[in-house]
Amino acid sequence: MMKSILQTDNLAIGYKKNGATSVVAEGVNASLQKGELVCLLGPNGAGKSTLLRTVAGMQRPLRGTVTLGQQDIHRLDAKTIARQISVVLTERVQVGLLTAYALVALGRHPYTSWTGKLTAGDEAVVQGALTAVSAAHLAPRFVHELSDGERQKVMIARALAQEPQIMLLDEPTAFLDLPRRVEIMGILRRLAHEQQRAILLSTHDLDLALRMADTIWLMPENGPLQVGTPEDLVLSGAFERAFYSAGISFDPHTGSFKIRRPETGHIDLVGEGLGAIWARRALEREGFQVHQGPNGSGVQVRVMNGEGHTHWQLTQNSQTTQVDSIQSLLAELHS
């Protein structure tokens, strides 16, 4: 079994204020290994950001320990921690008129003298970090001129320039559109595997986490942290329980969330291909219980593929109608 770089032992996290203690989560036992992308998931208020800050040494635990290597992280000085752990937070950092290169160069602060002067070796690390996140071309541009996706790449490069064993990121895909979210998650997965870094990130992007994470740390709102592969947590029902809410359910067959609606009726869907996949989605959105193949339902939709076109044949009340779009299919059903 691979040796852990970081480990928590019976960790309780939360806050102390005016003599009162507020426990956010307790009994947290987990570890990080080299070459592993870990996604920290949970509903709002479960304590994800608090756990990240505690694991990073930025906030003391209420009880228990966080061990970095063989030492309690909260007994290490800031410089020692910064050489092993880098952090990327959600909040936008105001960096004035810094260029992307200058911002990434700040990641060398645990290694430079008080003057901040970079050696040739430091310069090579900075350039390598920018290249690793496909942002070398952004080096001369001012940070305030960058798009959200470009800025996030630069922030990850800055964290990478610290040459850490562990990278911790709080909502790194927040504020990004779907293509950029996929790109950032792909970069982080590649950095974990190719550079053998342990990367832990919190995210609300559940679909991407299920597809890309090697391991998931799942924080229910009221319950202990659960650790496992995405598939094991889905199959055990832990994922569905953690995100259960009124009107919303997680479908383990598709790995997606659905709005629970009053059932409209049953439909048999016959056929394969994209026409069948998207017809199913549309029918389920309308509240139909969809059965694959002939199943004796009173209504049947058959997907007809041919000559580069897709048609849908609807049979109900002993009448058959052929339509050329899903919009027309739904209209016929409602009529």
C-alpha atoms as a PDB file:
ATOM      1  CA  MET A   1       0.000   0.000   0.000  1.00  0.00           C
ATOM      2  CA  MET A   2       1.302   3.463  -0.922  1.00  0.00           C
ATOM      3  CA  LYS A   3       2.582   5.531   2.011  1.00  0.00           C
ATOM      4  CA  SER A   4       0.487   8.566   2.924  1.00  0.00           C
ATOM      5  CA  ILE A   5       1.942  12.055   2.528  1.00  0.00           C
ATOM      6  CA  LEU A   6      -0.743  13.594   4.733  1.00  0.00           C
ATOM      7  CA  GLN A   7      -3.092  11.942   7.178  1.00  0.00           C
ATOM      8  CA  THR A   8      -5.867  13.030   9.532  1.00  0.00           C
ATOM      9  CA  ASP A   9      -6.540  11.153  12.750  1.00  0.00           C
ATOM     10  CA  ASN A  10      -9.914  11.526  14.538  1.00  0.00           C
ATOM     11  CA  LEU A  11     -10.035  15.129  13.389  1.00  0.00           C
ATOM     12  CA  ALA A  12     -12.741  17.456  14.681  1.00  0.00           C
ATOM     13  CA  ILE A  13     -13.047  20.766  12.854  1.00  0.00           C
ATOM     14  CA  GLY A  14     -14.935  23.929  13.643  1.00  0.00           C
ATOM     15  CA  TYR A  15     -14.639  27.210  15.514  1.00  0.00           C
ATOM     16  CA  LYS A  16     -14.273  28.649  18.992  1.00  0.00           C
ATOM     17  CA  LYS A  17     -15.893  32.007  19.621  1.00  0.00           C
ATOM     18  CA  ASN A  18     -16.655  33.800  22.878  1.00  0.00           C
ATOM     19  CA  GLY A  19     -15.924  30.648  24.831  1.00  0.00           C
ATOM     20  CA  ALA A  20     -18.354  28.550  22.782  1.00  0.00           C
ATOM     21  CA  THR A  21     -17.287  25.719  20.477  1.00  0.00           C
ATOM     22  CA  SER A  22     -19.037  25.066  17.171  1.00  0.00           C
ATOM     23  CA  VAL A  23     -18.207  21.643  15.718  1.00  0.00           C
ATOM     24  CA  VAL A  24     -18.601  21.474  11.933  1.00  0.00           C
ATOM     25  CA  ALA A  25     -17.453  17.859  11.476  1.00  0.00           C
ATOM     26  CA  GLU A  26     -15.714  15.247  13.599  1.00  0.00           C
ATOM     27  CA  GLY A  27     -14.238  11.782  13.327  1.00  0.00           C
ATOM     28  CA  VAL A  28     -12.464  12.760  10.104  1.00  0.00           C
ATOM     29  CA  ASN A  29      -9.992  10.025   9.117  1.00  0.00           C
ATOM     30  CA  ALA A  30      -8.464  10.273   5.667  1.00  0.00           C
ATOM     31  CA  SER A  31      -5.127  10.375   3.860  1.00  0.00           C
ATOM     32  CA  LEU A  32      -3.514  11.701   0.683  1.00  0.00           C
ATOM     33  CA  GLN A  33      -1.087   9.751  -1.519  1.00  0.00           C
ATOM     34  CA  LYS A  34       1.230  10.788  -4.326  1.00  0.00           C
ATOM     35  CA  GLY A  35      -0.228  10.735  -7.815  1.00  0.00           C
ATOM     36  CA  GLU A  36      -3.822  10.974  -6.613  1.00  0.00           C
ATOM     37  CA  LEU A  37      -6.567  13.442  -7.566  1.00  0.00           C
ATOM     38  CA  VAL A  38      -9.042  13.677  -4.684  1.00  0.00           C
ATOM     39  CA  CYS A  39     -12.314  15.598  -4.865  1.00  0.00           C
ATOM     40  CA  LEU A  40     -13.901  16.844  -1.646  1.00  0.00           C
ATOM     41  CA  LEU A  41     -17.676  16.829  -2.106  1.00  0.00           C
ATOM     42  CA  GLY A  42     -20.614  17.687   0.092  1.00  0.00           C
ATOM     43  CA  PRO A  43     -23.653  19.943   0.362  1.00  0.00           C
ATOM     44  CA  ASN A  44     -23.312  23.588   1.372  1.00  0.00           C
ATOM     45  CA  GLY A  45     -22.560  23.940   5.065  1.00  0.00           C
ATOM     46  CA  ALA A  46     -20.999  20.497   5.435  1.00  0.00           C
ATOM     47  CA  GLY A  47     -17.590  22.023   6.249  1.00  0.00           C
ATOM     48  CA  LYS A  48     -15.528  21.528   3.078  1.00  0.00           C
ATOM     49  CA  SER A  49     -13.700  24.860   3.251  1.00  0.00           C
ATOM     50  CA  THR A  50     -13.114  24.454   6.988  1.00  0.00           C
ATOM     51  CA  LEU A  51     -11.587  21.030   6.394  1.00  0.00           C
ATOM     52  CA  LEU A  52      -9.317  22.371   3.642  1.00  0.00           C
ATOM     53  CA  ARG A  53      -8.073  25.196   5.872  1.00  0.00           C
ATOM     54  CA  THR A  54      -7.435  22.771   8.717  1.00  0.00           C
ATOM     55  CA  VAL A  55      -5.585  20.303   6.488  1.00  0.00           C
ATOM     56  CA  ALA A  56      -3.496  23.182   5.103  1.00  0.00           C
ATOM     57  CA  GLY A  57      -2.409  24.227   8.579  1.00  0.00           C
ATOM     58  CA  MET A  58      -4.275  27.545   8.291  1.00  0.00           C
ATOM     59  CA  GLN A  59      -6.767  26.684  11.043  1.00  0.00           C
ATOM     60  CA  ARG A  60      -6.232  24.597  14.145  1.00  0.00           C
ATOM     61  CA  PRO A  61      -8.434  21.540  14.711  1.00  0.00           C
ATOM     62  CA  LEU A  62     -10.721  21.297  17.700  1.00  0.00           C
ATOM     63  CA  ARG A  63      -9.442  17.783  18.329  1.00  0.00           C
ATOM     64  CA  GLY A  64      -7.263  15.236  16.581  1.00  0.00           C
ATOM     65  CA  THR A  65      -4.233  15.745  14.371  1.00  0.00           C
ATOM     66  CA  VAL A  66      -3.153  16.426  10.813  1.00  0.00           C
ATOM     67  CA  THR A  67       0.142  14.699  10.091  1.00  0.00           C
ATOM     68  CA  LEU A  68       2.375  15.924   7.267  1.00  0.00           C
ATOM     69  CA  GLY A  69       5.099  13.370   6.716  1.00  0.00           C
ATOM     70  CA  GLN A  70       5.792  12.296  10.275  1.00  0.00           C
ATOM     71  CA  GLN A  71       4.987  15.601  11.991  1.00  0.00           C
ATOM     72  CA  ASP A  72       1.919  17.409  13.291  1.00  0.00           C
ATOM     73  CA  ILE A  73       1.332  20.112  10.680  1.00  0.00           C
ATOM     74  CA  HIS A  74       0.240  22.625  13.308  1.00  0.00           C
ATOM     75  CA  ARG A  75       3.679  22.425  14.939  1.00  0.00           C
ATOM     76  CA  LEU A  76       5.533  23.276  11.720  1.00  0.00           C
ATOM     77  CA  ASP A  77       6.555  26.799  10.745  1.00  0.00           C
ATOM     78  CA  ALA A  78       4.923  28.501   7.759  1.00  0.00           C
ATOM     79  CA  LYS A  79       7.966  28.226   5.497  1.00  0.00           C
ATOM     80  CA  THR A  80       8.273  24.475   6.017  1.00  0.00           C
ATOM     81  CA  ILE A  81       4.589  23.998   5.240  1.00  0.00           C
ATOM     82  CA  ALA A  82       4.811  26.249   2.151  1.00  0.00           C
ATOM     83  CA  ARG A  83       7.555  24.042   0.694  1.00  0.00           C
ATOM     84  CA  GLN A  84       5.264  21.012   0.910  1.00  0.00           C
ATOM     85  CA  ILE A  85       1.723  22.370   0.507  1.00  0.00           C
ATOM     86  CA  SER A  86       0.377  25.003  -1.875  1.00  0.00           C
ATOM     87  CA  VAL A  87      -3.122  26.454  -1.678  1.00  0.00           C
ATOM     88  CA  VAL A  88      -5.426  28.005  -4.291  1.00  0.00           C
ATOM     89  CA  LEU A  89      -8.477  29.716  -2.761  1.00  0.00           C
ATOM     90  CA  THR A  90     -11.768  30.687  -4.375  1.00  0.00           C
ATOM     91  CA  GLU A  91     -11.494  34.379  -3.539  1.00  0.00           C
ATOM     92  CA  ARG A  92     -10.047  36.611  -6.230  1.00  0.00           C
ATOM     93  CA  VAL A  93      -6.642  37.960  -5.200  1.00  0.00           C
ATOM     94  CA  GLN A  94      -6.042  41.621  -6.082  1.00  0.00           C
ATOM     95  CA  VAL A  95      -2.579  41.651  -7.650  1.00  0.00           C
ATOM     96  CA  GLY A  96      -2.398  45.157  -9.088  1.00  0.00           C
ATOM     97  CA  LEU A  97      -0.391  45.443 -12.291  1.00  0.00           C
ATOM     98  CA  LEU A  98       1.457  42.151 -11.993  1.00  0.00           C
ATOM     99  CA  THR A  99       2.047  40.131 -15.127  1.00  0.00           C
ATOM    100  CA  ALA A 100       1.126  36.458 -15.175  1.00  0.00           C
ATOM    101  CA  TYR A 101       4.833  35.598 -14.989  1.00  0.00           C
ATOM    102  CA  ALA A 102       5.362  37.828 -11.945  1.00  0.00           C
ATOM    103  CA  LEU A 103       2.374  36.278 -10.174  1.00  0.00           C
ATOM    104  CA  VAL A 104       3.621  32.737 -10.785  1.00  0.00           C
ATOM    105  CA  ALA A 105       7.094  33.830  -9.600  1.00  0.00           C
ATOM    106  CA  LEU A 106       5.554  34.638  -6.194  1.00  0.00           C
ATOM    107  CA  GLY A 107       5.240  30.889  -5.766  1.00  0.00           C
ATOM    108  CA  ARG A 108       9.002  30.765  -5.242  1.00  0.00           C
ATOM    109  CA  HIS A 109       8.751  32.742  -1.986  1.00  0.00           C
ATOM    110  CA  PRO A 110       9.506  29.725   0.275  1.00  0.00           C
ATOM    111  CA  TYR A 111      12.878  29.368  -1.484  1.00  0.00           C
ATOM    112  CA  THR A 112      14.091  32.932  -2.042  1.00  0.00           C
ATOM    113  CA  SER A 113      15.862  35.295   0.346  1.00  0.00           C
ATOM    114  CA  TRP A 114      14.226  38.388   1.824  1.00  0.00           C
ATOM    115  CA  THR A 115      15.060  40.270  -1.390  1.00  0.00           C
ATOM    116  CA  GLY A 116      12.869  37.931  -3.441  1.00  0.00           C
ATOM    117  CA  LYS A 117      15.503  37.725  -6.180  1.00  0.00           C
ATOM    118  CA  LEU A 118      15.077  34.715  -8.451  1.00  0.00           C
ATOM    119  CA  THR A 119      17.966  32.492  -9.428  1.00  0.00           C
ATOM    120  CA  ALA A 120      18.247  30.855 -12.829  1.00  0.00           C
ATOM    121  CA  GLY A 121      16.853  27.719 -11.211  1.00  0.00           C
ATOM    122  CA  ASP A 122      13.850  29.641  -9.886  1.00  0.00           C
ATOM    123  CA  GLU A 123      13.224  31.117 -13.333  1.00  0.00           C
ATOM    124  CA  ALA A 124      13.250  27.625 -14.838  1.00  0.00           C
ATOM    125  CA  VAL A 125      10.702  26.406 -12.263  1.00  0.00           C
ATOM    126  CA  VAL A 126       8.391  29.357 -12.999  1.00  0.00           C
ATOM    127  CA  GLN A 127       8.571  28.770 -16.731  1.00  0.00           C
ATOM    128  CA  GLY A 128       8.004  25.051 -16.224  1.00  0.00           C
ATOM    129  CA  ALA A 129       4.929  25.718 -14.087  1.00  0.00           C
ATOM    130  CA  LEU A 130       3.400  27.948 -16.756  1.00  0.00           C
ATOM    131  CA  THR A 131       4.134  25.354 -19.426  1.00  0.00           C
ATOM    132  CA  ALA A 132       2.618  22.562 -17.324  1.00  0.00           C
ATOM    133  CA  VAL A 133      -0.761  24.315 -17.266  1.00  0.00           C
ATOM    134  CA  SER A 134      -0.597  25.357 -20.944  1.00  0.00           C
ATOM    135  CA  ALA A 135      -0.186  29.027 -20.003  1.00  0.00           C
ATOM    136  CA  ALA A 136       3.336  29.878 -21.193  1.00  0.00           C
ATOM    137  CA  HIS A 137       1.875  32.249 -23.786  1.00  0.00           C
ATOM    138  CA  LEU A 138       0.183  34.236 -21.001  1.00  0.00           C
ATOM    139  CA  ALA A 139       3.458  35.112 -19.216  1.00  0.00           C
ATOM    140  CA  PRO A 140       3.774  38.750 -20.423  1.00  0.00           C
ATOM    141  CA  ARG A 141       0.096  39.665 -20.016  1.00  0.00           C
ATOM    142  CA  PHE A 142      -1.263  41.581 -17.027  1.00  0.00           C
ATOM    143  CA  VAL A 143      -3.355  39.435 -14.721  1.00  0.00           C
ATOM    144  CA  HIS A 144      -6.304  41.856 -14.715  1.00  0.00           C
ATOM    145  CA  GLU A 145      -6.551  41.410 -18.499  1.00  0.00           C
ATOM    146  CA  LEU A 146      -6.972  37.632 -18.315  1.00  0.00           C
ATOM    147  CA  SER A 147     -10.219  35.730 -18.644  1.00  0.00           C
ATOM    148  CA  ASP A 148     -11.436  33.719 -15.649  1.00  0.00           C
ATOM    149  CA  GLY A 149     -10.124  30.496 -17.188  1.00  0.00           C
ATOM    150  CA  GLU A 150      -6.719  31.998 -18.001  1.00  0.00           C
ATOM    151  CA  ARG A 151      -6.464  33.523 -14.541  1.00  0.00           C
ATOM    152  CA  GLN A 152      -7.202  30.173 -12.902  1.00  0.00           C
ATOM    153  CA  LYS A 153      -4.467  28.510 -14.942  1.00  0.00           C
ATOM    154  CA  VAL A 154      -2.016  31.143 -13.724  1.00  0.00           C
ATOM    155  CA  MET A 155      -3.102  30.662 -10.094  1.00  0.00           C
ATOM    156  CA  ILE A 156      -2.532  26.908 -10.424  1.00  0.00           C
ATOM    157  CA  ALA A 157       0.871  27.607 -11.991  1.00  0.00           C
ATOM    158  CA  ARG A 158       1.746  29.819  -9.009  1.00  0.00           C
ATOM    159  CA  ALA A 159       0.849  26.987  -6.641  1.00  0.00           C
ATOM    160  CA  LEU A 160       2.849  24.578  -8.797  1.00  0.00           C
ATOM    161  CA  ALA A 161       5.901  26.866  -8.670  1.00  0.00           C
ATOM    162  CA  GLN A 162       6.145  26.127  -4.942  1.00  0.00           C
ATOM    163  CA  GLU A 163       7.133  22.572  -5.958  1.00  0.00           C
ATOM    164  CA  PRO A 164       4.751  21.133  -3.353  1.00  0.00           C
ATOM    165  CA  GLN A 165       4.022  17.532  -2.590  1.00  0.00           C
ATOM    166  CA  ILE A 166       0.401  18.507  -1.996  1.00  0.00           C
ATOM    167  CA  MET A 167      -1.861  21.003  -3.773  1.00  0.00           C
ATOM    168  CA  LEU A 168      -5.100  22.092  -2.084  1.00  0.00           C
ATOM    169  CA  LEU A 169      -7.708  23.970  -4.112  1.00  0.00           C
ATOM    170  CA  ASP A 170     -11.007  25.443  -2.943  1.00  0.00           C
ATOM    171  CA  GLU A 171     -13.574  25.462  -5.782  1.00  0.00           C
ATOM    172  CA  PRO A 172     -11.039  25.842  -8.632  1.00  0.00           C
ATOM    173  CA  THR A 173     -13.772  25.646 -11.303  1.00  0.00           C
ATOM    174  CA  ALA A 174     -16.092  28.241  -9.759  1.00  0.00           C
ATOM    175  CA  PHE A 175     -17.083  31.046 -12.169  1.00  0.00           C
ATOM    176  CA  LEU A 176     -15.901  29.067 -15.219  1.00  0.00           C
ATOM    177  CA  ASP A 177     -18.004  27.914 -18.170  1.00  0.00           C
ATOM    178  CA  LEU A 178     -18.314  24.197 -18.901  1.00  0.00           C
ATOM    179  CA  PRO A 179     -15.408  23.851 -21.410  1.00  0.00           C
ATOM    180  CA  ARG A 180     -13.041  25.678 -19.029  1.00  0.00           C
ATOM    181  CA  ARG A 181     -14.197  23.565 -16.068  1.00  0.00           C
ATOM    182  CA  VAL A 182     -13.417  20.407 -18.006  1.00  0.00           C
ATOM    183  CA  GLU A 183     -10.050  21.819 -19.064  1.00  0.00           C
ATOM    184  CA  ILE A 184      -9.030  22.803 -15.511  1.00  0.00           C
ATOM    185  CA  MET A 185     -10.049  19.434 -14.085  1.00  0.00           C
ATOM    186  CA  GLY A 186      -8.111  17.709 -16.862  1.00  0.00           C
ATOM    187  CA  ILE A 187      -5.006  19.769 -16.066  1.00  0.00           C
ATOM    188  CA  LEU A 188      -5.227  18.909 -12.361  1.00  0.00           C
ATOM    189  CA  ARG A 189      -5.681  15.199 -13.072  1.00  0.00           C
ATOM    190  CA  ARG A 190      -2.665  15.246 -15.401  1.00  0.00           C
ATOM    191  CA  LEU A 191      -0.514  17.108 -12.841  1.00  0.00           C
ATOM    192  CA  ALA A 192      -1.417  14.566 -10.154  1.00  0.00           C
ATOM    193  CA  HIS A 193      -0.583  11.564 -12.318  1.00  0.00           C
ATOM    194  CA  GLU A 194       2.391  12.830 -14.326  1.00  0.00           C
ATOM    195  CA  GLN A 195       4.122  14.832 -11.593  1.00  0.00           C
ATOM    196  CA  GLN A 196       3.119  12.489  -8.762  1.00  0.00           C
ATOM    197  CA  ARG A 197       1.563  15.211  -6.654  1.00  0.00           C
ATOM    198  CA  ALA A 198      -1.316  14.704  -4.245  1.00  0.00           C
ATOM    199  CA  ILE A 199      -4.105  17.090  -5.269  1.00  0.00           C
ATOM    200  CA  LEU A 200      -7.161  17.693  -3.094  1.00  0.00           C
ATOM    201  CA  LEU A 201      -9.873  20.039  -4.335  1.00  0.00           C
ATOM    202  CA  SER A 202     -13.338  20.946  -3.154  1.00  0.00           C
ATOM    203  CA  THR A 203     -15.990  21.314  -5.810  1.00  0.00           C
ATOM    204  CA  HIS A 204     -19.726  21.493  -6.442  1.00  0.00           C
ATOM    205  CA  ASP A 205     -19.180  20.121  -9.950  1.00  0.00           C
ATOM    206  CA  LEU A 206     -20.381  16.643  -9.061  1.00  0.00           C
ATOM    207  CA  ASP A 207     -20.487  15.238 -12.589  1.00  0.00           C
ATOM    208  CA  LEU A 208     -16.851  16.127 -13.317  1.00  0.00           C
ATOM    209  CA  ALA A 209     -15.769  14.818  -9.925  1.00  0.00           C
ATOM    210  CA  LEU A 210     -17.435  11.471 -10.572  1.00  0.00           C
ATOM    211  CA  ARG A 211     -15.718  11.237 -13.952  1.00  0.00           C
ATOM    212  CA  MET A 212     -12.205  12.447 -13.072  1.00  0.00           C
ATOM    213  CA  ALA A 213     -11.430  11.863  -9.383  1.00  0.00           C
ATOM    214  CA  ASP A 214      -9.330   8.906  -8.306  1.00  0.00           C
ATOM    215  CA  THR A 215     -10.809   9.193  -4.809  1.00  0.00           C
ATOM    216  CA  ILE A 216     -13.666  11.137  -3.277  1.00  0.00           C
ATOM    217  CA  TRP A 217     -13.855  12.554   0.237  1.00  0.00           C
ATOM    218  CA  LEU A 218     -17.607  12.766   0.803  1.00  0.00           C
ATOM    219  CA  MET A 219     -18.844  15.071   3.584  1.00  0.00           C
ATOM    220  CA  PRO A 220     -22.536  14.620   4.408  1.00  0.00           C
ATOM    221  CA  GLU A 221     -24.133  17.527   6.257  1.00  0.00           C
ATOM    222  CA  ASN A 222     -24.589  15.451   9.407  1.00  0.00           C
ATOM    223  CA  GLY A 223     -22.311  12.455   9.370  1.00  0.00           C
ATOM    224  CA  PRO A 224     -18.722  11.243   9.206  1.00  0.00           C
ATOM    225  CA  LEU A 225     -16.457  11.758   6.212  1.00  0.00           C
ATOM    226  CA  GLN A 226     -16.617   8.825   3.798  1.00  0.00           C
ATOM    227  CA  VAL A 227     -13.697   7.979   1.520  1.00  0.00           C
ATOM    228  CA  GLY A 228     -13.689   5.797  -1.581  1.00  0.00           C
ATOM    229  CA  THR A 229     -13.647   5.666  -5.352  1.00  0.00           C
ATOM    230  CA  PRO A 230     -16.529   7.489  -7.046  1.00  0.00           C
ATOM    231  CA  GLU A 231     -18.009   4.178  -8.168  1.00  0.00           C
ATOM    232  CA  ASP A 232     -17.948   2.590  -4.697  1.00  0.00           C
ATOM    233  CA  LEU A 233     -19.623   5.605  -3.095  1.00  0.00           C
ATOM    234  CA  VAL A 234     -22.366   5.576  -5.739  1.00  0.00           C
ATOM    235  CA  LEU A 235     -22.950   1.824  -5.466  1.00  0.00           C
ATOM    236  CA  SER A 236     -23.107   1.953  -1.651  1.00  0.00           C
ATOM    237  CA  GLY A 237     -25.774   4.643  -1.778  1.00  0.00           C
ATOM    238  CA  ALA A 238     -23.572   7.083   0.164  1.00  0.00           C
ATOM    239  CA  PHE A 239     -23.557   9.610  -2.669  1.00  0.00           C
ATOM    240  CA  GLU A 240     -27.338   9.647  -2.996  1.00  0.00           C
ATOM    241  CA  ARG A 241     -27.810  10.002   0.770  1.00  0.00           C
ATOM    242  CA  ALA A 242     -25.310  12.855   1.040  1.00  0.00           C
ATOM    243  CA  PHE A 243     -27.079  14.973  -1.580  1.00  0.00           C
ATOM    244  CA  TYR A 244     -30.675  14.001  -0.921  1.00  0.00           C
ATOM    245  CA  SER A 245     -33.038  16.950  -0.722  1.00  0.00           C
ATOM    246  CA  ALA A 246     -36.718  17.588  -1.207  1.00  0.00           C
ATOM    247  CA  GLY A 247     -37.638  17.374  -4.863  1.00  0.00           C
ATOM    248  CA  ILE A 248     -34.165  16.229  -6.000  1.00  0.00           C
ATOM    249  CA  SER A 249     -32.795  12.716  -6.391  1.00  0.00           C
ATOM    250  CA  PHE A 250     -29.522  11.223  -7.618  1.00  0.00           C
ATOM    251  CA  ASP A 251     -29.846   8.576 -10.315  1.00  0.00           C
ATOM    252  CA  PRO A 252     -27.071   5.980  -9.866  1.00  0.00           C
ATOM    253  CA  HIS A 253     -27.761   4.606 -13.351  1.00  0.00           C
ATOM    254  CA  THR A 254     -26.829   7.847 -15.091  1.00  0.00           C
ATOM    255  CA  GLY A 255     -24.684   9.544 -12.440  1.00  0.00           C
ATOM    256  CA  SER A 256     -26.826  12.667 -12.591  1.00  0.00           C
ATOM    257  CA  PHE A 257     -29.379  14.515 -10.484  1.00  0.00           C
ATOM    258  CA  LYS A 258     -33.037  14.681 -11.400  1.00  0.00           C
ATOM    259  CA  ILE A 259     -35.973  16.763 -10.291  1.00  0.00           C
ATOM    260  CA  ARG A 260     -38.672  14.513  -8.910  1.00  0.00           C
ATOM    261  CA  ARG A 261     -41.968  15.190 -10.670  1.00  0.00           C
ATOM    262  CA  PRO A 262     -45.384  13.556 -10.458  1.00  0.00           C
ATOM    263  CA  GLU A 263     -45.316  10.547 -12.768  1.00  0.00           C
ATOM    264  CA  THR A 264     -46.962  11.323 -16.112  1.00  0.00           C
ATOM    265  CA  GLY A 265     -47.145   7.741 -17.365  1.00  0.00           C
ATOM    266  CA  HIS A 266     -45.127   4.844 -18.768  1.00  0.00           C
ATOM    267  CA  ILE A 267     -43.484   4.747 -22.192  1.00  0.00           C
ATOM    268  CA  ASP A 268     -41.598   1.977 -23.986  1.00  0.00           C
ATOM    269  CA  LEU A 269     -38.600   3.336 -25.877  1.00  0.00           C
ATOM    270  CA  VAL A 270     -37.411   1.101 -28.705  1.00  0.00           C
ATOM    271  CA  GLY A 271     -34.161   1.809 -30.531  1.00  0.00           C
ATOM    272  CA  GLU A 272     -30.567   2.887 -29.981  1.00  0.00           C
ATOM    273  CA  GLY A 273     -28.177   5.715 -30.729  1.00  0.00           C
ATOM    274  CA  LEU A 274     -28.230   9.414 -29.940  1.00  0.00           C
ATOM    275  CA  GLY A 275     -31.875   9.705 -30.959  1.00  0.00           C
ATOM    276  CA  ALA A 276     -32.807   7.222 -28.225  1.00  0.00           C
ATOM    277  CA  ILE A 277     -30.534   8.779 -25.592  1.00  0.00           C
ATOM    278  CA  TRP A 278     -31.910  12.282 -26.011  1.00  0.00           C
ATOM    279  CA  ALA A 279     -35.482  11.114 -26.413  1.00  0.00           C
ATOM    280  CA  ARG A 280     -35.165   9.363 -23.047  1.00  0.00           C
ATOM    281  CA  ARG A 281     -33.861  12.539 -21.414  1.00  0.00           C
ATOM    282  CA  ALA A 282     -36.717  14.593 -22.822  1.00  0.00           C
ATOM    283  CA  LEU A 283     -39.363  12.056 -21.826  1.00  0.00           C
ATOM    284  CA  GLU A 284     -38.001  11.719 -18.291  1.00  0.00           C
ATOM    285  CA  ARG A 285     -37.888  15.511 -17.984  1.00  0.00           C
ATOM    286  CA  GLU A 286     -41.615  15.489 -18.740  1.00  0.00           C
ATOM    287  CA  GLY A 287     -42.210  13.002 -15.931  1.00  0.00           C
ATOM    288  CA  PHE A 288     -42.567   9.766 -17.938  1.00  0.00           C
ATOM    289  CA  GLN A 289     -41.226   6.471 -16.630  1.00  0.00           C
ATOM    290  CA  VAL A 290     -39.232   5.196 -19.612  1.00  0.00           C
ATOM    291  CA  HIS A 291     -38.694   1.472 -20.230  1.00  0.00           C
ATOM    292  CA  GLN A 292     -36.065   0.284 -22.692  1.00  0.00           C
ATOM    293  CA  GLY A 293     -37.593  -1.978 -25.325  1.00  0.00           C
ATOM    294  CA  PRO A 294     -41.131  -3.373 -25.603  1.00  0.00           C
ATOM    295  CA  ASN A 295     -42.541  -3.691 -22.102  1.00  0.00           C
ATOM    296  CA  GLY A 296     -46.298  -3.679 -22.562  1.00  0.00           C
ATOM    297  CA  SER A 297     -46.793   0.025 -21.864  1.00  0.00           C
ATOM    298  CA  GLY A 298     -49.731   1.734 -23.513  1.00  0.00           C
ATOM    299  CA  VAL A 299     -47.408   4.166 -25.305  1.00  0.00           C
ATOM    300  CA  GLN A 300     -44.379   3.304 -27.431  1.00  0.00           C
ATOM    301  CA  VAL A 301     -41.706   5.501 -29.017  1.00  0.00           C
ATOM    302  CA  ARG A 302     -39.588   3.830 -31.687  1.00  0.00           C
ATOM    303  CA  VAL A 303     -36.397   5.500 -32.920  1.00  0.00           C
ATOM    304  CA  MET A 304     -35.987   5.255 -36.701  1.00  0.00           C
ATOM    305  CA  ASN A 305     -32.439   5.849 -37.958  1.00  0.00           C
ATOM    306  CA  GLY A 306     -31.727   5.997 -41.659  1.00  0.00           C
ATOM    307  CA  GLU A 307     -30.144   8.031 -44.452  1.00  0.00           C
ATOM    308  CA  GLY A 308     -28.499  10.427 -42.026  1.00  0.00           C
ATOM    309  CA  HIS A 309     -31.782  11.428 -40.390  1.00  0.00           C
ATOM    310  CA  THR A 310     -33.539  10.362 -37.201  1.00  0.00           C
ATOM    311  CA  HIS A 311     -37.303  10.056 -36.868  1.00  0.00           C
ATOM    312  CA  TRP A 312     -39.449   9.048 -33.925  1.00  0.00           C
ATOM    313  CA  GLN A 313     -42.511   6.870 -34.354  1.00  0.00           C
ATOM    314  CA  LEU A 314     -45.113   7.369 -31.635  1.00  0.00           C
ATOM    315  CA  THR A 315     -47.802   4.736 -31.063  1.00  0.00           C
ATOM    316  CA  GLN A 316     -50.618   5.480 -28.613  1.00  0.00           C
ATOM    317  CA  ASN A 317     -54.332   4.725 -28.542  1.00  0.00           C
ATOM    318  CA  SER A 318     -53.808   2.336 -31.484  1.00  0.00           C
ATOM    319  CA  GLN A 319     -52.607   5.211 -33.644  1.00  0.00           C
ATOM    320  CA  THR A 320     -49.081   5.678 -35.029  1.00  0.00           C
ATOM    321  CA  THR A 321     -47.550   9.044 -35.845  1.00  0.00           C
ATOM    322  CA  GLN A 322     -44.068   9.786 -37.201  1.00  0.00           C
ATOM    323  CA  VAL A 323     -42.307  13.031 -36.233  1.00  0.00           C
ATOM    324  CA  ASP A 324     -38.993  14.618 -37.206  1.00  0.00           C
ATOM    325  CA  SER A 325     -38.035  16.275 -33.908  1.00  0.00           C
ATOM    326  CA  ILE A 326     -38.217  15.643 -30.191  1.00  0.00           C
ATOM    327  CA  GLN A 327     -40.163  18.887 -29.855  1.00  0.00           C
ATOM    328  CA  SER A 328     -42.847  17.457 -32.147  1.00  0.00           C
ATOM    329  CA  LEU A 329     -42.756  14.152 -30.237  1.00  0.00           C
ATOM    330  CA  LEU A 330     -43.497  15.917 -26.957  1.00  0.00           C
ATOM    331  CA  ALA A 331     -46.244  17.976 -28.576  1.00  0.00           C
ATOM    332  CA  GLU A 332     -47.941  14.809 -29.869  1.00  0.00           C
ATOM    333  CA  LEU A 333     -47.729  13.200 -26.443  1.00  0.00           C
ATOM    334  CA  HIS A 334     -49.289  16.187 -24.720  1.00  0.00           C
ATOM    335  CA  SER A 335     -52.023  16.445 -27.319  1.00  0.00           C
END
